[in-house]
Amino acid sequence: MGKDQHVVPYDNKWAVRGEGNGRITSDHRTQGAAINIARRIAINQQSEVVIHGRDGKIRDKDSYGNDSCPPRDKKH
């Protein structure tokens, strides 16, 4: 499994940064654009996208790999 991709605020823009990397992978005008790039990388690396808010706190996660905690099937 690859590195998780974090979408973080960066110089009044948004950036994608691989987990543990000191440098950003890319920067974008909008959070949506950064999420799209992070998603492509995560799908390729079978990892997660971790989306941070302007305050830096994690607000959402999406998994694109072998999830250790997959959602349970809903039973009707």
C-alpha atoms as a PDB file:
ATOM      1  CA  MET A   1       0.000   0.000   0.000  1.00  0.00           C
ATOM      2  CA  GLY A   2       1.262   3.496  -0.886  1.00  0.00           C
ATOM      3  CA  LYS A   3       1.441   6.668   1.147  1.00  0.00           C
ATOM      4  CA  ASP A   4      -1.769   8.365   2.176  1.00  0.00           C
ATOM      5  CA  GLN A   5      -2.373  11.619   0.295  1.00  0.00           C
ATOM      6  CA  HIS A   6      -3.248  14.631   2.435  1.00  0.00           C
ATOM      7  CA  VAL A   7      -5.147  17.662   1.098  1.00  0.00           C
ATOM      8  CA  VAL A   8      -3.982  20.595   3.222  1.00  0.00           C
ATOM      9  CA  PRO A   9      -4.213  24.407   3.235  1.00  0.00           C
ATOM     10  CA  TYR A  10      -1.079  25.974   1.725  1.00  0.00           C
ATOM     11  CA  ASP A  11      -0.298  29.680   1.134  1.00  0.00           C
ATOM     12  CA  ASN A  12      -3.960  30.678   0.614  1.00  0.00           C
ATOM     13  CA  LYS A  13      -4.335  27.701  -1.732  1.00  0.00           C
ATOM     14  CA  TRP A  14      -4.650  23.940  -1.292  1.00  0.00           C
ATOM     15  CA  ALA A  15      -1.914  21.345  -1.616  1.00  0.00           C
ATOM     16  CA  VAL A  16      -1.529  17.599  -1.957  1.00  0.00           C
ATOM     17  CA  ARG A  17       1.197  16.135   0.244  1.00  0.00           C
ATOM     18  CA  GLY A  18       2.147  12.473   0.561  1.00  0.00           C
ATOM     19  CA  GLU A  19       2.217  11.294   4.163  1.00  0.00           C
ATOM     20  CA  GLY A  20       5.652  11.841   5.684  1.00  0.00           C
ATOM     21  CA  ASN A  21       6.843  14.052   2.809  1.00  0.00           C
ATOM     22  CA  GLY A  22       8.395  17.403   3.647  1.00  0.00           C
ATOM     23  CA  ARG A  23       7.503  18.837   0.251  1.00  0.00           C
ATOM     24  CA  ILE A  24       4.125  19.168  -1.380  1.00  0.00           C
ATOM     25  CA  THR A  25       3.264  17.119  -4.444  1.00  0.00           C
ATOM     26  CA  SER A  26       1.188  19.895  -6.049  1.00  0.00           C
ATOM     27  CA  ASP A  27      -0.712  23.079  -5.184  1.00  0.00           C
ATOM     28  CA  HIS A  28      -4.143  24.180  -6.420  1.00  0.00           C
ATOM     29  CA  ARG A  29      -6.463  27.197  -6.311  1.00  0.00           C
ATOM     30  CA  THR A  30      -9.357  25.156  -4.904  1.00  0.00           C
ATOM     31  CA  GLN A  31      -9.721  22.330  -2.438  1.00  0.00           C
ATOM     32  CA  GLY A  32     -11.800  20.411  -5.000  1.00  0.00           C
ATOM     33  CA  ALA A  33      -8.972  20.466  -7.531  1.00  0.00           C
ATOM     34  CA  ALA A  34      -6.526  19.229  -4.876  1.00  0.00           C
ATOM     35  CA  ILE A  35      -8.917  16.442  -3.865  1.00  0.00           C
ATOM     36  CA  ASN A  36      -9.199  15.277  -7.498  1.00  0.00           C
ATOM     37  CA  ILE A  37      -5.410  14.993  -7.841  1.00  0.00           C
ATOM     38  CA  ALA A  38      -5.052  13.333  -4.427  1.00  0.00           C
ATOM     39  CA  ARG A  39      -7.764  10.818  -5.413  1.00  0.00           C
ATOM     40  CA  ARG A  40      -5.934   9.893  -8.639  1.00  0.00           C
ATOM     41  CA  ILE A  41      -2.700   9.336  -6.727  1.00  0.00           C
ATOM     42  CA  ALA A  42      -4.466   7.332  -3.993  1.00  0.00           C
ATOM     43  CA  ILE A  43      -6.200   5.092  -6.535  1.00  0.00           C
ATOM     44  CA  ASN A  44      -2.866   4.467  -8.252  1.00  0.00           C
ATOM     45  CA  GLN A  45      -1.091   3.728  -4.953  1.00  0.00           C
ATOM     46  CA  GLN A  46      -4.046   1.976  -3.283  1.00  0.00           C
ATOM     47  CA  SER A  47      -3.974   4.347  -0.339  1.00  0.00           C
ATOM     48  CA  GLU A  48      -6.207   6.936   1.359  1.00  0.00           C
ATOM     49  CA  VAL A  49      -7.077  10.570   0.746  1.00  0.00           C
ATOM     50  CA  VAL A  50      -7.111  12.554   3.997  1.00  0.00           C
ATOM     51  CA  ILE A  51      -8.907  15.884   3.630  1.00  0.00           C
ATOM     52  CA  HIS A  52      -8.079  18.673   6.075  1.00  0.00           C
ATOM     53  CA  GLY A  53     -10.111  21.843   6.667  1.00  0.00           C
ATOM     54  CA  ARG A  54      -8.689  25.387   6.729  1.00  0.00           C
ATOM     55  CA  ASP A  55      -8.016  24.865  10.451  1.00  0.00           C
ATOM     56  CA  GLY A  56      -5.779  21.879   9.633  1.00  0.00           C
ATOM     57  CA  LYS A  57      -8.069  19.354  11.317  1.00  0.00           C
ATOM     58  CA  ILE A  58      -9.051  16.212   9.439  1.00  0.00           C
ATOM     59  CA  ARG A  59     -12.598  16.537   8.136  1.00  0.00           C
ATOM     60  CA  ASP A  60     -12.897  13.479   5.883  1.00  0.00           C
ATOM     61  CA  LYS A  61     -11.104  10.367   4.598  1.00  0.00           C
ATOM     62  CA  ASP A  62     -11.602   8.196   1.533  1.00  0.00           C
ATOM     63  CA  SER A  63      -9.929   4.808   1.101  1.00  0.00           C
ATOM     64  CA  TYR A  64      -8.849   3.497  -2.304  1.00  0.00           C
ATOM     65  CA  GLY A  65      -6.904   0.435  -1.211  1.00  0.00           C
ATOM     66  CA  ASN A  66      -7.432  -2.678   0.805  1.00  0.00           C
ATOM     67  CA  ASP A  67      -9.420  -1.161   3.644  1.00  0.00           C
ATOM     68  CA  SER A  68      -8.703  -2.803   6.986  1.00  0.00           C
ATOM     69  CA  CYS A  69     -12.161  -1.671   8.179  1.00  0.00           C
ATOM     70  CA  PRO A  70     -14.504  -1.928   5.194  1.00  0.00           C
ATOM     71  CA  PRO A  71     -18.116  -0.829   5.707  1.00  0.00           C
ATOM     72  CA  ARG A  72     -20.515  -3.557   6.757  1.00  0.00           C
ATOM     73  CA  ASP A  73     -23.174  -4.687   4.314  1.00  0.00           C
ATOM     74  CA  LYS A  74     -26.553  -3.214   5.148  1.00  0.00           C
ATOM     75  CA  LYS A  75     -29.175  -5.847   5.859  1.00  0.00           C
ATOM     76  CA  HIS A  76     -32.748  -4.922   5.048  1.00  0.00           C
END
